[in-house]
Amino acid sequence: MTQATGERVTSGRTVAQKMGVKPGSRAYLDAAPASAVEALRLPELAVADILAGEFDYLHLFVTTQEEMRHRFPVLREHLRRGGMLWLSWPKGGRLGSDLELKSVIRIGYDFGLVESTCLRVDEVWAGLKFTHPKPGKVYRNSYGTPPGS
């Protein structure tokens, strides 16, 4: 459905709402393309310019496994308990990416986090949510060995 202006009308939740991003969260976005940030339709956040302290919502955009292995553990160190670290990568090898869902999950596990929600950020970027493992919970996944398994 379109409005008289020709603008597409979307119903339902925004990408940020699907991600679980809450208004007022302390946030840090790393290497986020402007087009992807626009697609997220983020609520009002306390976005930091530098990576210091703990965050409720971290979002890292990378194109290669090497970049993910380098940046992911740095951000993980700033993830508060109960917070979420979203990792976004180009879908289908776009932008020369060597990342795909299985490798993203494996790398996340290597650095002690577990995955849950996967979604489409926009036409180029996919996103996967990582959190700290819950004590006592058993995680099973065929793509790698979850932390604590």
N, C-alpha and C. Protein backbone atom coordinates (compact mmCIF):
# COMPACT_ATOMS: atom_id res chain seq x y z
N MET A 1 0.85 -1.17 0.00
CA MET A 1 0.00 0.00 0.00
C MET A 1 0.90 1.24 0.00
N THR A 2 0.50 2.25 -0.74
CA THR A 2 1.29 3.48 -0.77
C THR A 2 0.42 4.66 -0.39
N GLN A 3 1.07 5.65 0.14
CA GLN A 3 0.39 6.91 0.43
C GLN A 3 0.38 7.74 -0.84
N ALA A 4 -0.32 8.87 -0.82
CA ALA A 4 -0.38 9.75 -1.98
C ALA A 4 1.00 10.22 -2.41
N THR A 5 1.95 10.24 -1.49
CA THR A 5 3.31 10.70 -1.80
C THR A 5 4.11 9.63 -2.52
N GLY A 6 3.55 8.41 -2.59
CA GLY A 6 4.30 7.32 -3.21
C GLY A 6 5.19 6.59 -2.23
N GLU A 7 5.20 7.04 -0.97
CA GLU A 7 6.02 6.43 0.07
C GLU A 7 5.38 5.12 0.50
N ARG A 8 6.18 4.09 0.66
CA ARG A 8 5.65 2.79 1.06
C ARG A 8 5.22 2.83 2.53
N VAL A 9 4.05 2.32 2.81
CA VAL A 9 3.54 2.24 4.17
C VAL A 9 3.88 0.86 4.70
N THR A 10 4.53 0.82 5.84
CA THR A 10 4.86 -0.47 6.43
C THR A 10 4.07 -0.64 7.71
N SER A 11 3.63 -1.84 7.90
CA SER A 11 2.90 -2.13 9.13
C SER A 11 3.77 -3.04 9.98
N GLY A 12 3.41 -3.16 11.22
CA GLY A 12 4.17 -4.04 12.10
C GLY A 12 5.30 -3.32 12.79
N ARG A 13 6.20 -4.14 13.28
CA ARG A 13 7.31 -3.63 14.08
C ARG A 13 8.51 -3.21 13.24
N THR A 14 9.28 -2.28 13.79
CA THR A 14 10.53 -1.87 13.14
C THR A 14 11.58 -2.96 13.36
N VAL A 15 12.67 -2.87 12.60
CA VAL A 15 13.78 -3.81 12.78
C VAL A 15 14.29 -3.71 14.22
N ALA A 16 14.45 -2.50 14.72
CA ALA A 16 14.95 -2.31 16.10
C ALA A 16 14.02 -2.97 17.11
N GLN A 17 12.72 -2.87 16.90
CA GLN A 17 11.77 -3.52 17.82
C GLN A 17 11.92 -5.03 17.75
N LYS A 18 12.08 -5.58 16.55
CA LYS A 18 12.30 -7.03 16.39
C LYS A 18 13.58 -7.46 17.07
N MET A 19 14.56 -6.57 17.10
CA MET A 19 15.85 -6.84 17.74
C MET A 19 15.76 -6.77 19.26
N GLY A 20 14.75 -6.10 19.77
CA GLY A 20 14.62 -5.94 21.21
C GLY A 20 15.32 -4.72 21.77
N VAL A 21 15.64 -3.75 20.91
CA VAL A 21 16.31 -2.53 21.35
C VAL A 21 15.29 -1.65 22.06
N LYS A 22 15.59 -1.32 23.31
CA LYS A 22 14.68 -0.52 24.14
C LYS A 22 15.09 0.94 24.16
N PRO A 23 14.10 1.83 24.12
CA PRO A 23 14.41 3.27 24.22
C PRO A 23 15.22 3.55 25.49
N GLY A 24 16.18 4.46 25.37
CA GLY A 24 16.99 4.84 26.52
C GLY A 24 18.18 3.94 26.79
N SER A 25 18.32 2.84 26.04
CA SER A 25 19.44 1.92 26.24
C SER A 25 20.76 2.61 25.96
N ARG A 26 21.78 2.21 26.71
CA ARG A 26 23.14 2.69 26.43
C ARG A 26 23.66 1.87 25.26
N ALA A 27 24.06 2.53 24.18
CA ALA A 27 24.38 1.85 22.94
C ALA A 27 25.70 2.30 22.34
N TYR A 28 26.27 1.40 21.53
CA TYR A 28 27.47 1.70 20.76
C TYR A 28 27.35 0.98 19.43
N LEU A 29 27.54 1.71 18.33
CA LEU A 29 27.48 1.14 16.99
C LEU A 29 28.88 1.20 16.39
N ASP A 30 29.37 0.06 15.90
CA ASP A 30 30.73 -0.04 15.39
C ASP A 30 30.69 -0.31 13.88
N ALA A 31 31.22 0.63 13.11
CA ALA A 31 31.32 0.52 11.64
C ALA A 31 29.96 0.38 10.97
N ALA A 32 28.95 0.99 11.54
CA ALA A 32 27.59 0.88 11.01
C ALA A 32 27.39 1.79 9.80
N PRO A 33 27.05 1.22 8.64
CA PRO A 33 26.75 2.05 7.47
C PRO A 33 25.49 2.88 7.72
N ALA A 34 25.46 4.09 7.25
CA ALA A 34 24.32 4.98 7.47
C ALA A 34 23.02 4.36 6.96
N SER A 35 23.08 3.67 5.83
CA SER A 35 21.87 3.06 5.27
C SER A 35 21.31 1.97 6.18
N ALA A 36 22.19 1.22 6.82
CA ALA A 36 21.75 0.17 7.74
C ALA A 36 21.17 0.78 9.01
N VAL A 37 21.80 1.83 9.52
CA VAL A 37 21.28 2.51 10.72
C VAL A 37 19.89 3.06 10.43
N GLU A 38 19.72 3.63 9.25
CA GLU A 38 18.40 4.15 8.87
C GLU A 38 17.38 3.01 8.82
N ALA A 39 17.76 1.87 8.28
CA ALA A 39 16.85 0.72 8.17
C ALA A 39 16.45 0.17 9.55
N LEU A 40 17.34 0.30 10.52
CA LEU A 40 17.04 -0.20 11.87
C LEU A 40 15.88 0.55 12.51
N ARG A 41 15.78 1.84 12.20
CA ARG A 41 14.76 2.71 12.81
C ARG A 41 14.85 2.62 14.34
N LEU A 42 16.03 2.94 14.84
CA LEU A 42 16.31 2.87 16.28
C LEU A 42 15.48 3.86 17.08
N PRO A 43 15.11 3.48 18.29
CA PRO A 43 14.44 4.43 19.17
C PRO A 43 15.47 5.41 19.72
N GLU A 44 15.04 6.34 20.54
CA GLU A 44 15.96 7.27 21.20
C GLU A 44 16.88 6.47 22.12
N LEU A 45 18.19 6.58 21.89
CA LEU A 45 19.18 5.83 22.65
C LEU A 45 20.24 6.76 23.23
N ALA A 46 20.95 6.28 24.22
CA ALA A 46 22.12 6.97 24.74
C ALA A 46 23.32 6.37 24.00
N VAL A 47 23.62 6.92 22.81
CA VAL A 47 24.67 6.38 21.96
C VAL A 47 26.01 7.01 22.34
N ALA A 48 26.97 6.16 22.65
CA ALA A 48 28.30 6.62 23.03
C ALA A 48 29.19 6.77 21.80
N ASP A 49 30.09 7.74 21.85
CA ASP A 49 31.05 7.95 20.78
C ASP A 49 32.30 7.10 20.96
N ILE A 50 32.56 6.71 22.20
CA ILE A 50 33.73 5.87 22.48
C ILE A 50 33.27 4.62 23.23
N LEU A 51 34.04 3.58 23.09
CA LEU A 51 33.73 2.30 23.72
C LEU A 51 34.34 2.28 25.11
N ALA A 52 33.55 2.70 26.10
CA ALA A 52 34.01 2.75 27.49
C ALA A 52 32.82 2.41 28.38
N GLY A 53 33.06 1.55 29.37
CA GLY A 53 31.99 1.15 30.27
C GLY A 53 31.18 0.00 29.69
N GLU A 54 30.01 -0.23 30.28
CA GLU A 54 29.15 -1.33 29.84
C GLU A 54 27.97 -0.80 29.03
N PHE A 55 27.49 -1.64 28.13
CA PHE A 55 26.41 -1.26 27.23
C PHE A 55 25.29 -2.29 27.25
N ASP A 56 24.07 -1.78 27.01
CA ASP A 56 22.89 -2.63 26.87
C ASP A 56 22.81 -3.19 25.46
N TYR A 57 23.21 -2.38 24.48
CA TYR A 57 23.08 -2.73 23.07
C TYR A 57 24.35 -2.31 22.34
N LEU A 58 25.03 -3.31 21.79
CA LEU A 58 26.20 -3.09 20.95
C LEU A 58 25.87 -3.65 19.58
N HIS A 59 26.35 -3.01 18.53
CA HIS A 59 26.08 -3.51 17.19
C HIS A 59 27.34 -3.34 16.35
N LEU A 60 27.87 -4.47 15.89
CA LEU A 60 29.10 -4.50 15.11
C LEU A 60 28.78 -4.91 13.68
N PHE A 61 29.27 -4.14 12.72
CA PHE A 61 29.12 -4.45 11.30
C PHE A 61 30.50 -4.81 10.76
N VAL A 62 30.62 -6.02 10.18
CA VAL A 62 31.89 -6.48 9.60
C VAL A 62 31.62 -7.20 8.29
N THR A 63 32.67 -7.32 7.46
CA THR A 63 32.52 -8.04 6.21
C THR A 63 33.35 -9.32 6.16
N THR A 64 34.32 -9.47 7.08
CA THR A 64 35.17 -10.67 7.03
C THR A 64 35.29 -11.34 8.40
N GLN A 65 35.65 -12.62 8.35
CA GLN A 65 35.88 -13.36 9.59
C GLN A 65 37.03 -12.73 10.37
N GLU A 66 38.04 -12.28 9.67
CA GLU A 66 39.19 -11.64 10.34
C GLU A 66 38.73 -10.40 11.12
N GLU A 67 37.91 -9.56 10.50
CA GLU A 67 37.39 -8.37 11.19
C GLU A 67 36.57 -8.77 12.41
N MET A 68 35.73 -9.79 12.24
CA MET A 68 34.89 -10.23 13.36
C MET A 68 35.76 -10.74 14.50
N ARG A 69 36.76 -11.57 14.19
CA ARG A 69 37.64 -12.10 15.24
C ARG A 69 38.42 -10.99 15.95
N HIS A 70 38.69 -9.91 15.26
CA HIS A 70 39.43 -8.78 15.85
C HIS A 70 38.53 -7.89 16.70
N ARG A 71 37.35 -7.52 16.20
CA ARG A 71 36.48 -6.55 16.88
C ARG A 71 35.49 -7.15 17.88
N PHE A 72 34.98 -8.35 17.58
CA PHE A 72 33.95 -8.96 18.42
C PHE A 72 34.38 -9.09 19.89
N PRO A 73 35.58 -9.63 20.18
CA PRO A 73 35.95 -9.75 21.60
C PRO A 73 36.15 -8.40 22.29
N VAL A 74 36.51 -7.38 21.55
CA VAL A 74 36.67 -6.04 22.12
C VAL A 74 35.29 -5.54 22.59
N LEU A 75 34.29 -5.68 21.74
CA LEU A 75 32.94 -5.26 22.12
C LEU A 75 32.37 -6.13 23.23
N ARG A 76 32.63 -7.43 23.15
CA ARG A 76 32.13 -8.35 24.17
C ARG A 76 32.55 -7.92 25.58
N GLU A 77 33.72 -7.38 25.71
CA GLU A 77 34.21 -6.94 27.02
C GLU A 77 33.38 -5.80 27.60
N HIS A 78 32.58 -5.15 26.76
CA HIS A 78 31.76 -4.02 27.20
C HIS A 78 30.27 -4.35 27.26
N LEU A 79 29.94 -5.62 27.08
CA LEU A 79 28.55 -6.06 27.09
C LEU A 79 28.13 -6.36 28.53
N ARG A 80 27.14 -5.62 29.02
CA ARG A 80 26.68 -5.86 30.38
C ARG A 80 25.90 -7.17 30.43
N ARG A 81 25.81 -7.76 31.60
CA ARG A 81 24.96 -8.96 31.79
C ARG A 81 23.54 -8.56 31.43
N GLY A 82 22.87 -9.36 30.64
CA GLY A 82 21.52 -9.03 30.21
C GLY A 82 21.47 -8.16 28.97
N GLY A 83 22.64 -7.72 28.49
CA GLY A 83 22.69 -6.91 27.28
C GLY A 83 22.79 -7.77 26.04
N MET A 84 22.85 -7.12 24.88
CA MET A 84 22.94 -7.86 23.62
C MET A 84 23.96 -7.23 22.69
N LEU A 85 24.70 -8.11 22.02
CA LEU A 85 25.68 -7.70 21.03
C LEU A 85 25.18 -8.25 19.69
N TRP A 86 24.78 -7.37 18.80
CA TRP A 86 24.34 -7.77 17.47
C TRP A 86 25.52 -7.73 16.52
N LEU A 87 25.65 -8.79 15.72
CA LEU A 87 26.68 -8.85 14.70
C LEU A 87 25.98 -8.82 13.34
N SER A 88 26.35 -7.88 12.49
CA SER A 88 25.79 -7.81 11.15
C SER A 88 26.88 -8.04 10.12
N TRP A 89 26.52 -8.80 9.06
CA TRP A 89 27.42 -9.10 7.97
C TRP A 89 26.63 -9.06 6.66
N PRO A 90 27.32 -8.82 5.54
CA PRO A 90 26.63 -8.78 4.25
C PRO A 90 26.12 -10.17 3.87
N LYS A 91 24.87 -10.23 3.47
CA LYS A 91 24.25 -11.49 3.08
C LYS A 91 24.81 -11.97 1.73
N GLY A 92 24.85 -13.29 1.58
CA GLY A 92 25.19 -13.88 0.28
C GLY A 92 26.52 -13.50 -0.30
N GLY A 93 27.51 -13.22 0.56
CA GLY A 93 28.85 -12.89 0.08
C GLY A 93 28.98 -11.50 -0.53
N ARG A 94 27.95 -10.68 -0.35
CA ARG A 94 28.04 -9.30 -0.87
C ARG A 94 29.21 -8.58 -0.23
N LEU A 95 29.67 -7.55 -0.89
CA LEU A 95 30.79 -6.71 -0.43
C LEU A 95 32.05 -7.54 -0.17
N GLY A 96 32.18 -8.68 -0.85
CA GLY A 96 33.35 -9.52 -0.69
C GLY A 96 33.42 -10.27 0.62
N SER A 97 32.29 -10.43 1.29
CA SER A 97 32.26 -11.07 2.61
C SER A 97 32.53 -12.56 2.55
N ASP A 98 33.29 -13.05 3.54
CA ASP A 98 33.50 -14.49 3.69
C ASP A 98 32.72 -15.02 4.90
N LEU A 99 31.77 -14.21 5.40
CA LEU A 99 30.95 -14.61 6.54
C LEU A 99 29.63 -15.19 6.07
N GLU A 100 29.15 -16.16 6.82
CA GLU A 100 27.82 -16.71 6.66
C GLU A 100 27.38 -17.17 8.05
N LEU A 101 26.12 -17.54 8.18
CA LEU A 101 25.56 -17.82 9.50
C LEU A 101 26.41 -18.79 10.33
N LYS A 102 26.84 -19.89 9.73
CA LYS A 102 27.61 -20.88 10.48
C LYS A 102 28.92 -20.30 11.03
N SER A 103 29.63 -19.54 10.22
CA SER A 103 30.90 -18.98 10.69
C SER A 103 30.67 -17.90 11.75
N VAL A 104 29.62 -17.12 11.60
CA VAL A 104 29.30 -16.09 12.60
C VAL A 104 29.01 -16.75 13.95
N ILE A 105 28.22 -17.82 13.95
CA ILE A 105 27.90 -18.52 15.20
C ILE A 105 29.16 -19.11 15.81
N ARG A 106 29.99 -19.78 15.00
CA ARG A 106 31.22 -20.39 15.52
C ARG A 106 32.12 -19.35 16.18
N ILE A 107 32.30 -18.21 15.53
CA ILE A 107 33.17 -17.17 16.08
C ILE A 107 32.58 -16.61 17.37
N GLY A 108 31.28 -16.39 17.40
CA GLY A 108 30.63 -15.93 18.63
C GLY A 108 30.87 -16.89 19.78
N TYR A 109 30.74 -18.19 19.51
CA TYR A 109 31.00 -19.22 20.54
C TYR A 109 32.46 -19.17 20.99
N ASP A 110 33.37 -19.00 20.04
CA ASP A 110 34.80 -18.93 20.38
C ASP A 110 35.08 -17.85 21.42
N PHE A 111 34.24 -16.81 21.43
CA PHE A 111 34.45 -15.70 22.36
C PHE A 111 33.44 -15.70 23.50
N GLY A 112 32.80 -16.86 23.74
CA GLY A 112 32.00 -17.04 24.95
C GLY A 112 30.58 -16.52 24.94
N LEU A 113 30.04 -16.16 23.78
CA LEU A 113 28.65 -15.71 23.72
C LEU A 113 27.79 -16.71 22.96
N VAL A 114 26.49 -16.66 23.19
CA VAL A 114 25.56 -17.56 22.51
C VAL A 114 24.60 -16.73 21.66
N GLU A 115 24.11 -17.35 20.59
CA GLU A 115 23.25 -16.65 19.64
C GLU A 115 21.78 -16.97 19.90
N SER A 116 20.93 -16.09 19.38
CA SER A 116 19.49 -16.38 19.41
C SER A 116 18.87 -15.89 18.12
N THR A 117 18.36 -14.69 18.08
CA THR A 117 17.60 -14.18 16.96
C THR A 117 18.48 -13.81 15.76
N CYS A 118 18.02 -14.24 14.57
CA CYS A 118 18.66 -13.83 13.32
C CYS A 118 17.61 -13.10 12.49
N LEU A 119 18.00 -11.99 11.86
CA LEU A 119 17.04 -11.25 11.05
C LEU A 119 17.72 -10.49 9.94
N ARG A 120 16.90 -9.92 9.08
CA ARG A 120 17.35 -9.11 7.95
C ARG A 120 17.34 -7.65 8.41
N VAL A 121 18.49 -7.00 8.35
CA VAL A 121 18.58 -5.58 8.69
C VAL A 121 18.07 -4.74 7.51
N ASP A 122 18.59 -5.04 6.33
CA ASP A 122 18.16 -4.36 5.10
C ASP A 122 18.49 -5.25 3.92
N GLU A 123 18.55 -4.69 2.72
CA GLU A 123 18.82 -5.48 1.52
C GLU A 123 20.22 -6.12 1.52
N VAL A 124 21.16 -5.51 2.21
CA VAL A 124 22.54 -6.00 2.22
C VAL A 124 22.87 -6.76 3.49
N TRP A 125 22.47 -6.27 4.64
CA TRP A 125 22.95 -6.75 5.93
C TRP A 125 21.99 -7.71 6.64
N ALA A 126 22.56 -8.78 7.19
CA ALA A 126 21.86 -9.69 8.09
C ALA A 126 22.33 -9.36 9.50
N GLY A 127 21.60 -9.80 10.50
CA GLY A 127 22.00 -9.56 11.89
C GLY A 127 21.73 -10.77 12.75
N LEU A 128 22.61 -11.02 13.70
CA LEU A 128 22.46 -12.12 14.64
C LEU A 128 22.74 -11.60 16.05
N LYS A 129 21.83 -11.91 16.95
CA LYS A 129 21.92 -11.45 18.34
C LYS A 129 22.74 -12.43 19.18
N PHE A 130 23.70 -11.88 19.92
CA PHE A 130 24.51 -12.65 20.87
C PHE A 130 24.29 -12.10 22.28
N THR A 131 24.31 -13.01 23.25
CA THR A 131 24.19 -12.64 24.66
C THR A 131 25.14 -13.51 25.48
N HIS A 132 25.31 -13.14 26.74
CA HIS A 132 26.05 -14.01 27.65
C HIS A 132 25.20 -15.26 27.89
N PRO A 133 25.84 -16.43 28.02
CA PRO A 133 25.07 -17.64 28.32
C PRO A 133 24.42 -17.54 29.69
N LYS A 134 23.24 -18.11 29.82
CA LYS A 134 22.55 -18.15 31.11
C LYS A 134 23.13 -19.28 31.94
N PRO A 135 23.47 -19.03 33.21
CA PRO A 135 24.03 -20.08 34.06
C PRO A 135 23.07 -21.27 34.15
N GLY A 136 23.64 -22.47 33.98
CA GLY A 136 22.86 -23.69 34.11
C GLY A 136 22.11 -24.11 32.86
N LYS A 137 22.02 -23.23 31.86
CA LYS A 137 21.30 -23.58 30.63
C LYS A 137 22.22 -24.36 29.71
N VAL A 138 21.69 -25.41 29.09
CA VAL A 138 22.46 -26.20 28.14
C VAL A 138 22.13 -25.70 26.74
N TYR A 139 23.16 -25.36 26.00
CA TYR A 139 23.00 -24.86 24.64
C TYR A 139 23.46 -25.93 23.66
N ARG A 140 22.66 -26.17 22.63
CA ARG A 140 23.01 -27.15 21.62
C ARG A 140 22.92 -26.48 20.24
N ASN A 141 23.95 -26.70 19.45
CA ASN A 141 23.94 -26.15 18.11
C ASN A 141 24.91 -26.97 17.26
N SER A 142 24.52 -27.29 16.07
CA SER A 142 25.37 -28.11 15.19
C SER A 142 26.47 -27.30 14.50
N TYR A 143 26.46 -25.97 14.67
CA TYR A 143 27.45 -25.14 13.99
C TYR A 143 28.74 -24.92 14.80
N GLY A 144 28.75 -25.37 16.02
CA GLY A 144 29.93 -25.18 16.85
C GLY A 144 29.63 -25.62 18.26
N THR A 145 30.59 -25.44 19.15
CA THR A 145 30.42 -25.83 20.54
C THR A 145 30.09 -24.60 21.36
N PRO A 146 28.85 -24.53 21.88
CA PRO A 146 28.47 -23.38 22.69
C PRO A 146 29.31 -23.27 23.95
N PRO A 147 29.49 -22.07 24.46
CA PRO A 147 30.26 -21.87 25.69
C PRO A 147 29.69 -22.72 26.82
N GLY A 148 30.58 -23.33 27.60
CA GLY A 148 30.15 -24.11 28.78
C GLY A 148 29.67 -25.50 28.45
N SER A 149 29.75 -25.91 27.17
CA SER A 149 29.30 -27.25 26.78
C SER A 149 30.40 -28.27 26.92
